[in-house]
Amino acid sequence: MKILVTGGAGFIGSHFVRELLAGSYPWLGEVDGVTVYDKLTYAGNVENLTSVSTDPRYRFVHGDICDGDLLDQSSDLHDVVVNFAAETHVDRSIHGPQDFIVTNVVGTQTVLDSCLRNSIPRIVHIGTDEVYGSIDEGSWDENEPLLPNSPYSAAKAAAELLVRSYFVTYGLNVSSTRCSNNYGPHQFPEKLIPLFVTNLIDDKNVPLYGDGLNVRDWLHVDDHCRGIAVVIAKGEPGEAYNIGGGLELSNKEITEKVLETMGFDWSKVTPVEDRKGHDRRYSVNDSKLRAMGYEPQHKFEDGLAETIAWYKDNEAWWRPLQAKAAIK
């Protein structure tokens, strides 16, 4: 099996590539080749792929998913395309929505068109639970309407509608996933957990939005990637699949856990003005995927401790990225 991974130098995509080449998903069969296609924007980092760079099955293409000609040259003869490529940070989308529309909507359309032209047998598009909006109680299943509240989530919702339309209109064998909040090693230090961890390593305070009571479901990146591999093998064309971690925590609770694990108290927290349009609660029902054999394997406390240890041991990776993480 040969797999093209767009956005494969990012946090989640690179983890998926490393695990693919390590043989972590035996139900996919033998992996003969993995092509990473990445524009290397601020959040893309080839150092995320250093451990597989000498693997003869690995190939890297520096390219934009909006470049259909280069996509055609890169995707030809692949059995599977997994589209991770996206702009993902809500705060950045609030300050500059256009990049999100171009990459997440036009880029997805370009990927789908390339897959059609090259008769790719299987495509999986990686989405987010943020497309649902906010839920006060209960959990979303995949039949809930998409009600996004930020430019980022609106762009991802538009991409999902394109995915559905390419299945219905052209018969493309494409499924999509909707994951909850990811954490783990190699995450760009603008996101909550790595931002807090790297700030505390430098003995700086951590910023907490509003009252800190916004709730998210937390998912280790390794569990997320395993769920994606299940969808590749068993997912139905035209279907969407929630991928959750099974643990809902408020931002205040996450902050407390990071502080406690790193030996700090609440004096290291600086309250800041809440994000515009900040969704109050996300919660996914992923029973559809669990019925296919998915189950998260990482206990949050262990995963958090391992993630913190990774950032402590890999300053050379994240310190050069700190300036890029600051939103101008």
Protein backbone atom coordinates (compact mmCIF):
# COMPACT_ATOMS: atom_id res chain seq x y z
CA MET A 1 0.00 0.00 0.00
CA LYS A 2 1.24 3.47 -0.92
CA ILE A 3 -0.12 6.42 1.02
CA LEU A 4 0.05 10.17 0.32
CA VAL A 5 -0.22 12.30 3.46
CA THR A 6 -0.89 15.99 2.88
CA GLY A 7 0.15 18.17 5.82
CA GLY A 8 2.35 15.30 6.94
CA ALA A 9 5.02 17.54 8.51
CA GLY A 10 2.59 18.97 11.05
CA PHE A 11 1.84 17.78 14.57
CA ILE A 12 -0.79 15.13 13.85
CA GLY A 13 0.23 14.26 10.30
CA SER A 14 3.84 13.58 11.23
CA HIS A 15 2.76 11.31 14.09
CA PHE A 16 0.59 9.37 11.65
CA VAL A 17 3.51 9.03 9.23
CA ARG A 18 5.91 7.84 11.92
CA GLU A 19 3.41 5.25 13.12
CA LEU A 20 2.61 4.11 9.58
CA LEU A 21 6.26 3.41 8.87
CA ALA A 22 6.67 1.73 12.27
CA GLY A 23 3.99 -0.80 11.34
CA SER A 24 1.59 0.30 14.09
CA TYR A 25 -1.52 -0.32 11.97
CA PRO A 26 -1.22 -3.93 10.77
CA TRP A 27 -4.86 -3.98 9.62
CA LEU A 28 -3.84 -1.65 6.78
CA GLY A 29 -1.53 -4.29 5.35
CA GLU A 30 2.04 -3.75 4.23
CA VAL A 31 3.02 -0.11 3.74
CA ASP A 32 5.26 0.06 0.67
CA GLY A 33 5.61 3.83 0.52
CA VAL A 34 4.59 7.05 2.28
CA THR A 35 4.76 10.41 0.52
CA VAL A 36 4.53 13.49 2.72
CA TYR A 37 3.23 16.55 0.90
CA ASP A 38 3.58 19.75 2.94
CA LYS A 39 3.84 23.48 2.30
CA LEU A 40 5.94 23.93 5.46
CA THR A 41 4.08 26.93 6.78
CA TYR A 42 4.95 28.14 10.28
CA ALA A 43 3.46 24.99 11.86
CA GLY A 44 4.99 22.47 9.42
CA ASN A 45 8.40 21.16 10.44
CA VAL A 46 10.52 18.57 8.62
CA GLU A 47 12.27 17.90 11.93
CA ASN A 48 9.09 16.11 12.95
CA LEU A 49 10.05 13.49 10.36
CA THR A 50 13.76 13.13 11.17
CA SER A 51 13.28 9.66 12.63
CA VAL A 52 11.91 8.33 9.31
CA SER A 53 13.92 10.46 6.88
CA THR A 54 16.28 7.60 5.95
CA ASP A 55 13.51 5.02 5.51
CA PRO A 56 13.58 4.00 1.82
CA ARG A 57 9.76 3.98 1.80
CA TYR A 58 9.59 7.68 2.76
CA ARG A 59 9.46 10.59 0.30
CA PHE A 60 8.91 14.30 0.92
CA VAL A 61 7.35 16.79 -1.50
CA HIS A 62 7.41 20.49 -0.65
CA GLY A 63 4.12 21.75 -2.03
CA ASP A 64 0.87 23.67 -1.52
CA ILE A 65 -2.39 21.68 -1.64
CA CYS A 66 -3.80 24.48 -3.81
CA ASP A 67 -1.31 23.46 -6.53
CA GLY A 68 -3.28 20.90 -8.52
CA ASP A 69 -0.51 20.13 -11.00
CA LEU A 70 2.00 19.27 -8.27
CA LEU A 71 -0.64 17.26 -6.42
CA ASP A 72 -1.26 15.23 -9.59
CA GLN A 73 2.45 14.50 -9.94
CA SER A 74 2.64 13.49 -6.28
CA SER A 75 -0.57 11.48 -5.86
CA ASP A 76 -0.34 9.33 -8.99
CA LEU A 77 -0.07 5.59 -8.20
CA HIS A 78 -1.00 6.01 -4.53
CA ASP A 79 -3.65 3.77 -2.97
CA VAL A 80 -4.72 6.16 -0.22
CA VAL A 81 -4.68 9.93 0.29
CA VAL A 82 -5.06 11.30 3.82
CA ASN A 83 -5.66 15.05 3.91
CA PHE A 84 -4.32 16.59 7.13
CA ALA A 85 -3.29 19.86 5.48
CA ALA A 86 -5.07 22.79 7.11
CA GLU A 87 -4.78 26.04 8.97
CA THR A 88 -5.96 25.10 12.46
CA HIS A 89 -5.57 27.80 15.11
CA VAL A 90 -8.82 29.59 16.04
CA ASP A 91 -7.10 32.77 17.26
CA ARG A 92 -5.22 33.11 13.97
CA SER A 93 -8.47 32.65 12.04
CA ILE A 94 -10.04 35.50 13.99
CA HIS A 95 -7.14 37.81 13.10
CA GLY A 96 -6.87 36.67 9.47
CA PRO A 97 -9.68 34.49 8.05
CA GLN A 98 -8.59 34.51 4.40
CA ASP A 99 -5.69 32.06 4.78
CA PHE A 100 -8.11 29.62 6.40
CA ILE A 101 -10.61 29.87 3.56
CA VAL A 102 -7.91 29.38 0.93
CA THR A 103 -6.17 26.42 2.54
CA ASN A 104 -9.08 24.67 4.22
CA VAL A 105 -11.70 25.15 1.52
CA VAL A 106 -9.95 25.74 -1.82
CA GLY A 107 -7.13 23.41 -0.78
CA THR A 108 -9.54 20.61 0.08
CA GLN A 109 -11.38 21.07 -3.22
CA THR A 110 -8.05 20.88 -5.06
CA VAL A 111 -7.10 17.68 -3.25
CA LEU A 112 -10.47 16.10 -4.06
CA ASP A 113 -10.18 17.08 -7.73
CA SER A 114 -6.70 15.59 -7.92
CA CYS A 115 -7.95 12.36 -6.36
CA LEU A 116 -10.69 12.21 -8.98
CA ARG A 117 -8.30 12.81 -11.87
CA ASN A 118 -5.92 10.15 -10.60
CA SER A 119 -8.57 7.60 -9.61
CA ILE A 120 -7.31 7.32 -6.03
CA PRO A 121 -9.03 4.26 -4.50
CA ARG A 122 -9.42 5.65 -0.94
CA ILE A 123 -9.39 9.14 0.59
CA VAL A 124 -9.81 10.26 4.20
CA HIS A 125 -10.24 13.93 5.08
CA ILE A 126 -9.23 15.00 8.60
CA GLY A 127 -11.68 17.36 10.28
CA THR A 128 -12.54 18.66 13.74
CA ASP A 129 -15.38 18.52 16.25
CA GLU A 130 -15.44 22.34 16.15
CA VAL A 131 -17.66 22.14 13.05
CA TYR A 132 -20.60 21.33 15.37
CA GLY A 133 -20.38 24.63 17.24
CA SER A 134 -21.12 24.45 20.97
CA ILE A 135 -23.29 22.06 23.01
CA ASP A 136 -24.64 22.74 26.51
CA GLU A 137 -25.38 19.13 27.44
CA GLY A 138 -25.18 15.70 25.87
CA SER A 139 -22.82 14.80 23.02
CA TRP A 140 -22.83 15.18 19.25
CA ASP A 141 -23.17 12.19 17.00
CA GLU A 142 -22.31 12.42 13.33
CA ASN A 143 -25.88 13.29 12.33
CA GLU A 144 -25.87 16.62 14.16
CA PRO A 145 -25.98 19.74 11.96
CA LEU A 146 -22.75 21.67 11.37
CA LEU A 147 -23.04 25.03 13.16
CA PRO A 148 -19.51 26.49 13.25
CA ASN A 149 -18.82 29.67 15.21
CA SER A 150 -15.29 30.74 14.19
CA PRO A 151 -13.73 31.39 10.78
CA TYR A 152 -11.55 28.32 11.36
CA SER A 153 -14.42 25.96 12.11
CA ALA A 154 -16.53 27.49 9.31
CA ALA A 155 -13.74 26.75 6.84
CA LYS A 156 -13.47 23.18 8.12
CA ALA A 157 -17.24 22.74 7.90
CA ALA A 158 -17.16 23.98 4.31
CA ALA A 159 -14.44 21.45 3.55
CA GLU A 160 -16.60 18.66 4.97
CA LEU A 161 -19.53 19.71 2.80
CA LEU A 162 -17.24 19.51 -0.22
CA VAL A 163 -16.18 16.02 0.86
CA ARG A 164 -19.80 14.93 1.02
CA SER A 165 -20.59 16.50 -2.34
CA TYR A 166 -17.69 14.70 -4.05
CA PHE A 167 -19.02 11.40 -2.74
CA VAL A 168 -22.59 12.10 -3.82
CA THR A 169 -21.80 13.77 -7.16
CA TYR A 170 -18.74 11.86 -8.33
CA GLY A 171 -18.83 8.67 -6.28
CA LEU A 172 -15.45 9.41 -4.71
CA ASN A 173 -14.49 6.89 -2.02
CA VAL A 174 -13.93 9.53 0.66
CA SER A 175 -14.72 9.61 4.37
CA SER A 176 -14.10 12.34 6.94
CA THR A 177 -13.16 12.38 10.61
CA ARG A 178 -14.02 14.85 13.37
CA CYS A 179 -11.58 14.73 16.24
CA SER A 180 -11.65 16.37 19.65
CA ASN A 181 -8.76 18.43 21.13
CA ASN A 182 -5.41 16.75 20.52
CA TYR A 183 -2.31 16.82 22.71
CA GLY A 184 1.07 15.11 22.69
CA PRO A 185 4.71 15.53 21.57
CA HIS A 186 5.61 17.76 18.59
CA GLN A 187 2.55 20.01 19.00
CA PHE A 188 3.26 23.58 17.91
CA PRO A 189 3.64 25.81 21.00
CA GLU A 190 0.68 28.08 20.26
CA LYS A 191 -1.83 25.47 21.48
CA LEU A 192 -2.96 25.36 25.11
CA ILE A 193 -0.95 22.49 26.58
CA PRO A 194 2.41 23.13 24.86
CA LEU A 195 2.04 26.89 25.39
CA PHE A 196 1.48 26.39 29.11
CA VAL A 197 4.26 23.82 29.42
CA THR A 198 6.87 25.87 27.59
CA ASN A 199 5.89 29.02 29.51
CA LEU A 200 6.31 27.21 32.82
CA ILE A 201 9.65 25.74 31.77
CA ASP A 202 10.75 29.37 31.36
CA ASP A 203 9.12 30.30 34.70
CA LYS A 204 6.54 32.49 32.94
CA ASN A 205 2.86 32.80 33.74
CA VAL A 206 0.22 31.05 31.66
CA PRO A 207 -2.74 32.94 30.11
CA LEU A 208 -6.23 31.62 30.88
CA TYR A 209 -9.16 32.83 28.76
CA GLY A 210 -12.19 34.25 30.56
CA ASP A 211 -13.48 32.21 33.51
CA GLY A 212 -11.67 29.08 32.35
CA LEU A 213 -14.85 27.01 32.27
CA ASN A 214 -14.87 26.23 28.54
CA VAL A 215 -14.97 22.43 28.24
CA ARG A 216 -13.19 20.24 25.70
CA ASP A 217 -12.77 16.51 25.17
CA TRP A 218 -9.06 15.62 25.20
CA LEU A 219 -7.50 13.11 22.82
CA HIS A 220 -3.90 11.91 22.69
CA VAL A 221 -2.47 12.27 19.18
CA ASP A 222 -1.56 8.58 19.13
CA ASP A 223 -5.18 7.59 19.78
CA HIS A 224 -6.35 10.03 17.12
CA CYS A 225 -4.03 8.56 14.50
CA ARG A 226 -5.11 5.03 15.38
CA GLY A 227 -8.72 6.10 14.85
CA ILE A 228 -7.82 7.51 11.43
CA ALA A 229 -6.21 4.21 10.46
CA VAL A 230 -9.41 2.41 11.45
CA VAL A 231 -11.43 4.78 9.25
CA ILE A 232 -9.08 4.17 6.30
CA ALA A 233 -9.65 0.44 6.55
CA LYS A 234 -13.29 0.21 7.65
CA GLY A 235 -14.94 3.57 7.03
CA GLU A 236 -17.79 3.84 4.55
CA PRO A 237 -17.66 6.27 1.61
CA GLY A 238 -19.52 9.50 2.31
CA GLU A 239 -19.58 8.92 6.07
CA ALA A 240 -18.11 11.05 8.88
CA TYR A 241 -16.62 9.60 12.07
CA ASN A 242 -16.14 11.29 15.43
CA ILE A 243 -12.87 10.49 17.21
CA GLY A 244 -12.84 11.27 20.93
CA GLY A 245 -10.60 10.74 23.91
CA GLY A 246 -13.41 10.12 26.39
CA LEU A 247 -12.34 12.78 28.90
CA GLU A 248 -13.99 16.18 29.17
CA LEU A 249 -12.13 18.85 31.12
CA SER A 250 -12.56 22.59 31.49
CA ASN A 251 -9.65 24.83 30.60
CA LYS A 252 -9.36 25.58 34.32
CA GLU A 253 -9.05 21.86 35.10
CA ILE A 254 -6.44 21.39 32.38
CA THR A 255 -4.49 24.34 33.78
CA GLU A 256 -4.61 22.85 37.27
CA LYS A 257 -3.32 19.49 35.99
CA VAL A 258 -0.42 21.11 34.11
CA LEU A 259 0.49 23.26 37.11
CA GLU A 260 0.34 20.31 39.50
CA THR A 261 2.39 18.02 37.27
CA MET A 262 5.08 20.70 36.84
CA GLY A 263 5.16 21.72 40.52
CA PHE A 264 3.53 25.15 40.27
CA ASP A 265 0.48 26.74 41.90
CA TRP A 266 -2.30 29.06 40.72
CA SER A 267 -0.10 32.14 41.18
CA LYS A 268 1.39 31.31 37.76
CA VAL A 269 -1.98 31.95 36.04
CA THR A 270 -2.81 35.28 34.40
CA PRO A 271 -6.49 35.73 33.45
CA VAL A 272 -6.90 37.29 29.99
CA GLU A 273 -9.86 38.60 28.02
CA ASP A 274 -11.92 35.79 26.55
CA ARG A 275 -11.59 34.84 22.89
CA LYS A 276 -14.25 36.27 20.55
CA GLY A 277 -17.03 33.76 19.93
CA HIS A 278 -15.43 31.27 22.31
CA ASP A 279 -17.43 28.01 22.17
CA ARG A 280 -18.46 26.92 25.66
CA ARG A 281 -18.42 23.14 25.40
CA TYR A 282 -17.51 20.39 22.92
CA SER A 283 -18.50 16.76 23.41
CA VAL A 284 -18.42 13.96 20.82
CA ASN A 285 -20.19 10.64 20.79
CA ASP A 286 -17.74 8.33 19.02
CA SER A 287 -19.71 5.09 19.43
CA LYS A 288 -19.88 4.72 15.65
CA LEU A 289 -16.09 4.41 15.44
CA ARG A 290 -15.81 2.33 18.62
CA ALA A 291 -18.14 -0.22 17.03
CA MET A 292 -15.46 -0.58 14.34
CA GLY A 293 -12.73 -1.42 16.85
CA TYR A 294 -11.46 1.98 17.98
CA GLU A 295 -10.74 2.66 21.62
CA PRO A 296 -8.41 5.30 23.13
CA GLN A 297 -5.48 3.70 24.91
CA HIS A 298 -3.82 6.67 26.62
CA LYS A 299 -4.88 7.63 30.14
CA PHE A 300 -4.82 11.43 30.26
CA GLU A 301 -2.64 11.79 33.38
CA ASP A 302 0.01 9.48 31.88
CA GLY A 303 -0.17 11.12 28.47
CA LEU A 304 0.13 14.59 29.97
CA ALA A 305 3.15 13.61 32.09
CA GLU A 306 4.84 12.04 29.06
CA THR A 307 4.08 15.12 26.95
CA ILE A 308 5.53 17.48 29.57
CA ALA A 309 8.64 15.29 29.82
CA TRP A 310 9.02 15.42 26.03
CA TYR A 311 8.97 19.24 25.99
CA LYS A 312 11.48 19.35 28.83
CA ASP A 313 13.79 17.01 26.91
CA ASN A 314 13.37 18.69 23.51
CA GLU A 315 13.96 22.40 23.99
CA ALA A 316 16.03 22.43 20.81
CA TRP A 317 12.84 21.53 18.92
CA TRP A 318 10.39 24.05 20.36
CA ARG A 319 12.53 27.03 21.39
CA PRO A 320 13.16 28.24 17.79
CA LEU A 321 9.39 28.05 17.22
CA GLN A 322 8.36 30.37 20.04
CA ALA A 323 8.62 33.54 17.98
CA LYS A 324 6.48 31.95 15.24
CA ALA A 325 3.88 30.96 17.84
CA ALA A 326 3.19 34.59 18.79
CA ILE A 327 0.19 35.96 16.90
CA LYS A 328 1.04 39.33 15.42
